[in-house]
Protein backbone atom coordinates (compact mmCIF):
# COMPACT_ATOMS: atom_id res chain seq x y z
CA MET A 1 116.98 102.38 55.17
CA SER A 2 115.93 100.33 58.18
CA SER A 3 112.24 99.95 58.99
CA THR A 4 111.23 98.05 62.11
CA GLN A 5 107.57 99.06 62.19
CA ILE A 6 104.96 100.58 59.87
CA ASP A 7 102.24 102.56 61.64
CA GLY A 8 98.79 103.58 60.40
CA VAL A 9 98.23 100.89 57.78
CA THR A 10 95.40 98.74 56.47
CA VAL A 11 96.47 95.11 56.12
CA GLN A 12 95.03 92.63 53.65
CA THR A 13 94.69 89.55 55.86
CA GLN A 14 94.80 87.01 53.03
CA ALA A 15 98.42 86.25 52.20
CA ASN A 16 99.93 86.51 48.75
CA VAL A 17 101.59 83.13 48.17
CA TYR A 18 104.01 82.76 45.26
CA PHE A 19 106.26 80.03 43.88
CA GLY A 20 104.58 77.21 45.78
CA GLY A 21 105.01 78.91 49.15
CA LYS A 22 108.64 80.00 48.66
CA CYS A 23 107.44 83.63 48.98
CA VAL A 24 104.61 84.77 51.25
CA SER A 25 103.61 88.40 51.81
CA HIS A 26 100.80 90.63 53.00
CA SER A 27 99.70 93.80 51.19
CA LEU A 28 99.53 97.06 53.14
CA THR A 29 97.95 100.41 52.31
CA CYS A 30 99.33 103.39 54.25
CA ALA A 31 97.32 106.39 55.45
CA ASP A 32 98.83 108.49 52.61
CA GLY A 33 97.61 105.94 50.04
CA SER A 34 101.02 104.43 49.32
CA ARG A 35 101.25 100.65 48.99
CA LYS A 36 103.73 98.21 50.46
CA SER A 37 104.03 94.50 51.03
CA VAL A 38 105.74 92.76 53.91
CA GLY A 39 106.92 89.20 53.52
CA VAL A 40 109.54 86.52 53.46
CA VAL A 41 111.28 84.56 50.72
CA LEU A 42 112.50 81.13 51.81
CA ALA A 43 115.52 79.28 50.40
CA ALA A 44 115.18 79.40 46.61
CA GLU A 45 116.36 81.01 43.38
CA LEU A 46 113.43 82.90 41.84
CA THR A 47 112.60 85.54 39.22
CA PHE A 48 110.10 88.27 40.10
CA GLY A 49 108.43 90.56 37.56
CA THR A 50 107.42 94.13 38.40
CA GLN A 51 104.57 96.31 37.25
CA ALA A 52 105.31 99.37 39.41
CA ALA A 53 108.76 100.51 40.46
CA GLU A 54 109.81 98.86 43.72
CA ILE A 55 112.29 99.36 46.50
CA MET A 56 113.07 96.06 48.21
CA GLU A 57 114.21 96.68 51.79
CA CYS A 58 115.86 93.85 53.73
CA VAL A 59 114.71 93.78 57.37
CA ALA A 60 116.27 90.41 58.32
CA GLY A 61 118.21 87.62 56.70
CA GLY A 62 119.66 88.35 53.31
CA CYS A 63 119.82 87.53 49.63
CA ALA A 64 121.69 88.10 46.42
CA TYR A 65 119.83 89.82 43.59
CA ARG A 66 120.44 90.49 39.91
CA LEU A 67 118.48 93.13 38.00
CA ALA A 68 117.17 92.42 34.51
CA GLY A 69 119.88 92.98 31.91
CA SER A 70 122.71 92.67 34.43
CA GLU A 71 125.16 89.83 34.94
CA GLN A 72 126.17 91.04 38.40
CA TRP A 73 124.81 89.48 41.61
CA VAL A 74 124.69 91.86 44.59
CA ASN A 75 124.45 90.72 48.22
CA VAL A 76 122.14 92.54 50.64
CA GLY A 77 121.49 92.17 54.36
CA PRO A 78 119.51 93.92 57.10
CA GLY A 79 119.28 97.66 56.49
CA ASP A 80 120.14 97.35 52.77
CA ALA A 81 117.73 98.05 49.92
CA PHE A 82 117.66 97.85 46.15
CA LYS A 83 115.51 99.50 43.50
CA VAL A 84 113.78 97.72 40.62
CA ASP A 85 112.32 99.65 37.69
CA ALA A 86 108.66 99.36 36.66
CA ASN A 87 107.88 96.73 34.02
CA SER A 88 111.12 94.91 34.71
CA SER A 89 112.31 91.89 36.68
CA PHE A 90 114.96 90.67 39.08
CA ASP A 91 116.43 87.34 40.07
CA ILE A 92 116.88 86.55 43.74
CA ARG A 93 118.93 83.87 45.52
CA VAL A 94 118.08 83.11 49.13
CA GLN A 95 119.96 80.56 51.20
CA ASP A 96 117.94 80.75 54.43
CA ALA A 97 115.25 83.46 54.59
CA PHE A 98 114.95 87.02 53.26
CA HIS A 99 112.50 89.16 55.28
CA TYR A 100 111.52 92.25 53.33
CA ILE A 101 109.36 95.31 52.89
CA CYS A 102 108.53 96.11 49.28
CA HIS A 103 107.82 99.82 48.81
CA PHE A 104 105.83 100.38 45.58
CA GLY A 105 105.97 103.49 43.42
C-alpha cells in the first residue's frame, strides 16, 4: 500500500488536534462516501482508541505500534500499513514524525 495522492475528496479545513498538538490531521470524505484522515504524529508515545476499523498507512517517516492485547511492538515505514479493529486501541511510538493516511471502515 503506497498512496501519494487522494483525488476527488472533500477536505474539512479545521484540523483535528490531539494530545496537545502531538497529532494533527484533516478529515477527508471521498466521492464514494468513504472517510479518511491525513495527518502527522510527532515524537511521542501515545494510545489511540478506535470506533470504526482502521487501516493506518505510513506515507513518510515511521513508527512502532502495538495493538490492544498484544505485547509485541511492530516497526513500520513508508509503504507499510497496519489494521486496527473497531472499538479497540493501539499504542504508537514515534521518534521523529509519522505521516499517515487513516482509512476508516
